[in-house]
Amino acid sequence: MGISINTEYGMKALISALGLMIAPIIGIFLRLSQANGFLIGSIVSILNIGALIGIGFYLKNDFIPSEQKNLGESEKQEKSSK
């Protein structure tokens, strides 16, 4: 009863996590370069919102099945009922 990892979803999770980690790292470098706090907050917020929107489009098909798949399943059910 070991833990199994689906590599497809594991890679998507890894890419999503890396996308969300970019903005704080940039914020750290901006703070080290003595940038204004308001500027840092604005840049990090914009990058995080952009990353979340990008991740949403990237993972859209995992949560909302396409109509093609639904049509294919309904046709299979109709054929099996005949």
C-alpha atoms as a PDB file:
ATOM      1  CA  MET A   1       0.000   0.000   0.000  1.00  0.00           C
ATOM      2  CA  GLY A   2       2.679   2.439  -1.059  1.00  0.00           C
ATOM      3  CA  ILE A   3       2.255   5.941  -2.325  1.00  0.00           C
ATOM      4  CA  SER A   4       1.975   6.213  -6.072  1.00  0.00           C
ATOM      5  CA  ILE A   5       2.598   9.476  -7.868  1.00  0.00           C
ATOM      6  CA  ASN A   6       1.019  10.321 -11.178  1.00  0.00           C
ATOM      7  CA  THR A   7       3.878  11.854 -13.153  1.00  0.00           C
ATOM      8  CA  GLU A   8       1.617  13.991 -15.335  1.00  0.00           C
ATOM      9  CA  TYR A   9       0.037  15.750 -12.363  1.00  0.00           C
ATOM     10  CA  GLY A  10       3.343  15.798 -10.493  1.00  0.00           C
ATOM     11  CA  MET A  11       5.006  17.741 -13.298  1.00  0.00           C
ATOM     12  CA  LYS A  12       2.076  20.156 -13.492  1.00  0.00           C
ATOM     13  CA  ALA A  13       2.326  20.719  -9.738  1.00  0.00           C
ATOM     14  CA  LEU A  14       6.081  21.303  -9.997  1.00  0.00           C
ATOM     15  CA  ILE A  15       5.671  23.835 -12.818  1.00  0.00           C
ATOM     16  CA  SER A  16       2.914  25.615 -10.879  1.00  0.00           C
ATOM     17  CA  ALA A  17       5.030  25.782  -7.729  1.00  0.00           C
ATOM     18  CA  LEU A  18       8.007  27.154  -9.638  1.00  0.00           C
ATOM     19  CA  GLY A  19       5.788  29.779 -11.252  1.00  0.00           C
ATOM     20  CA  LEU A  20       4.601  30.979  -7.853  1.00  0.00           C
ATOM     21  CA  MET A  21       8.138  31.032  -6.390  1.00  0.00           C
ATOM     22  CA  ILE A  22       9.549  33.410  -9.005  1.00  0.00           C
ATOM     23  CA  ALA A  23       7.885  36.567  -7.647  1.00  0.00           C
ATOM     24  CA  PRO A  24       9.164  36.293  -4.032  1.00  0.00           C
ATOM     25  CA  ILE A  25      12.683  35.619  -5.267  1.00  0.00           C
ATOM     26  CA  ILE A  26      12.534  38.752  -7.434  1.00  0.00           C
ATOM     27  CA  GLY A  27      11.197  40.630  -4.392  1.00  0.00           C
ATOM     28  CA  ILE A  28      14.197  39.521  -2.340  1.00  0.00           C
ATOM     29  CA  PHE A  29      16.610  40.769  -4.989  1.00  0.00           C
ATOM     30  CA  LEU A  30      14.750  44.074  -5.200  1.00  0.00           C
ATOM     31  CA  ARG A  31      14.964  44.485  -1.406  1.00  0.00           C
ATOM     32  CA  LEU A  32      18.692  43.751  -1.483  1.00  0.00           C
ATOM     33  CA  SER A  33      19.111  46.467  -4.107  1.00  0.00           C
ATOM     34  CA  GLN A  34      17.446  48.996  -1.741  1.00  0.00           C
ATOM     35  CA  ALA A  35      14.271  49.394  -3.819  1.00  0.00           C
ATOM     36  CA  ASN A  36      11.167  51.118  -2.463  1.00  0.00           C
ATOM     37  CA  GLY A  37       8.824  48.830  -0.489  1.00  0.00           C
ATOM     38  CA  PHE A  38       5.780  49.977  -2.430  1.00  0.00           C
ATOM     39  CA  LEU A  39       7.525  49.135  -5.700  1.00  0.00           C
ATOM     40  CA  ILE A  40       8.499  45.704  -4.432  1.00  0.00           C
ATOM     41  CA  GLY A  41       4.962  44.947  -3.247  1.00  0.00           C
ATOM     42  CA  SER A  42       3.472  46.087  -6.534  1.00  0.00           C
ATOM     43  CA  ILE A  43       5.837  44.037  -8.676  1.00  0.00           C
ATOM     44  CA  VAL A  44       5.493  40.900  -6.557  1.00  0.00           C
ATOM     45  CA  SER A  45       1.688  41.205  -6.497  1.00  0.00           C
ATOM     46  CA  ILE A  46       1.451  41.666 -10.250  1.00  0.00           C
ATOM     47  CA  LEU A  47       3.755  38.705 -10.902  1.00  0.00           C
ATOM     48  CA  ASN A  48       1.822  36.458  -8.497  1.00  0.00           C
ATOM     49  CA  ILE A  49      -1.532  37.387 -10.023  1.00  0.00           C
ATOM     50  CA  GLY A  50      -0.119  36.755 -13.490  1.00  0.00           C
ATOM     51  CA  ALA A  51       1.244  33.386 -12.350  1.00  0.00           C
ATOM     52  CA  LEU A  52      -2.113  32.391 -10.857  1.00  0.00           C
ATOM     53  CA  ILE A  53      -3.965  33.319 -14.046  1.00  0.00           C
ATOM     54  CA  GLY A  54      -1.403  31.405 -16.101  1.00  0.00           C
ATOM     55  CA  ILE A  55      -1.716  28.360 -13.851  1.00  0.00           C
ATOM     56  CA  GLY A  56      -5.499  28.572 -14.172  1.00  0.00           C
ATOM     57  CA  PHE A  57      -5.296  28.432 -17.957  1.00  0.00           C
ATOM     58  CA  TYR A  58      -2.661  25.689 -17.756  1.00  0.00           C
ATOM     59  CA  LEU A  59      -4.795  23.482 -15.494  1.00  0.00           C
ATOM     60  CA  LYS A  60      -8.188  24.421 -16.960  1.00  0.00           C
ATOM     61  CA  ASN A  61      -8.750  21.093 -18.699  1.00  0.00           C
ATOM     62  CA  ASP A  62      -7.994  19.093 -15.553  1.00  0.00           C
ATOM     63  CA  PHE A  63     -10.937  20.598 -13.675  1.00  0.00           C
ATOM     64  CA  ILE A  64     -13.409  21.348 -16.473  1.00  0.00           C
ATOM     65  CA  PRO A  65     -13.696  18.429 -18.875  1.00  0.00           C
ATOM     66  CA  SER A  66     -14.087  19.402 -22.485  1.00  0.00           C
ATOM     67  CA  GLU A  67     -17.312  18.800 -24.379  1.00  0.00           C
ATOM     68  CA  GLN A  68     -15.530  16.319 -26.640  1.00  0.00           C
ATOM     69  CA  LYS A  69     -14.895  13.978 -23.730  1.00  0.00           C
ATOM     70  CA  ASN A  70     -18.471  14.298 -22.502  1.00  0.00           C
ATOM     71  CA  LEU A  71     -19.843  13.571 -25.966  1.00  0.00           C
ATOM     72  CA  GLY A  72     -17.594  10.557 -26.317  1.00  0.00           C
ATOM     73  CA  GLU A  73     -18.722   9.128 -22.974  1.00  0.00           C
ATOM     74  CA  SER A  74     -22.412   9.671 -23.766  1.00  0.00           C
ATOM     75  CA  GLU A  75     -22.015   7.915 -27.134  1.00  0.00           C
ATOM     76  CA  LYS A  76     -20.343   4.951 -25.436  1.00  0.00           C
ATOM     77  CA  GLN A  77     -23.210   4.720 -22.952  1.00  0.00           C
ATOM     78  CA  GLU A  78     -25.768   4.806 -25.770  1.00  0.00           C
ATOM     79  CA  LYS A  79     -23.972   2.033 -27.651  1.00  0.00           C
ATOM     80  CA  SER A  80     -23.668  -0.129 -24.530  1.00  0.00           C
ATOM     81  CA  SER A  81     -27.369   0.294 -23.744  1.00  0.00           C
ATOM     82  CA  LYS A  82     -28.353  -0.958 -27.237  1.00  0.00           C
END
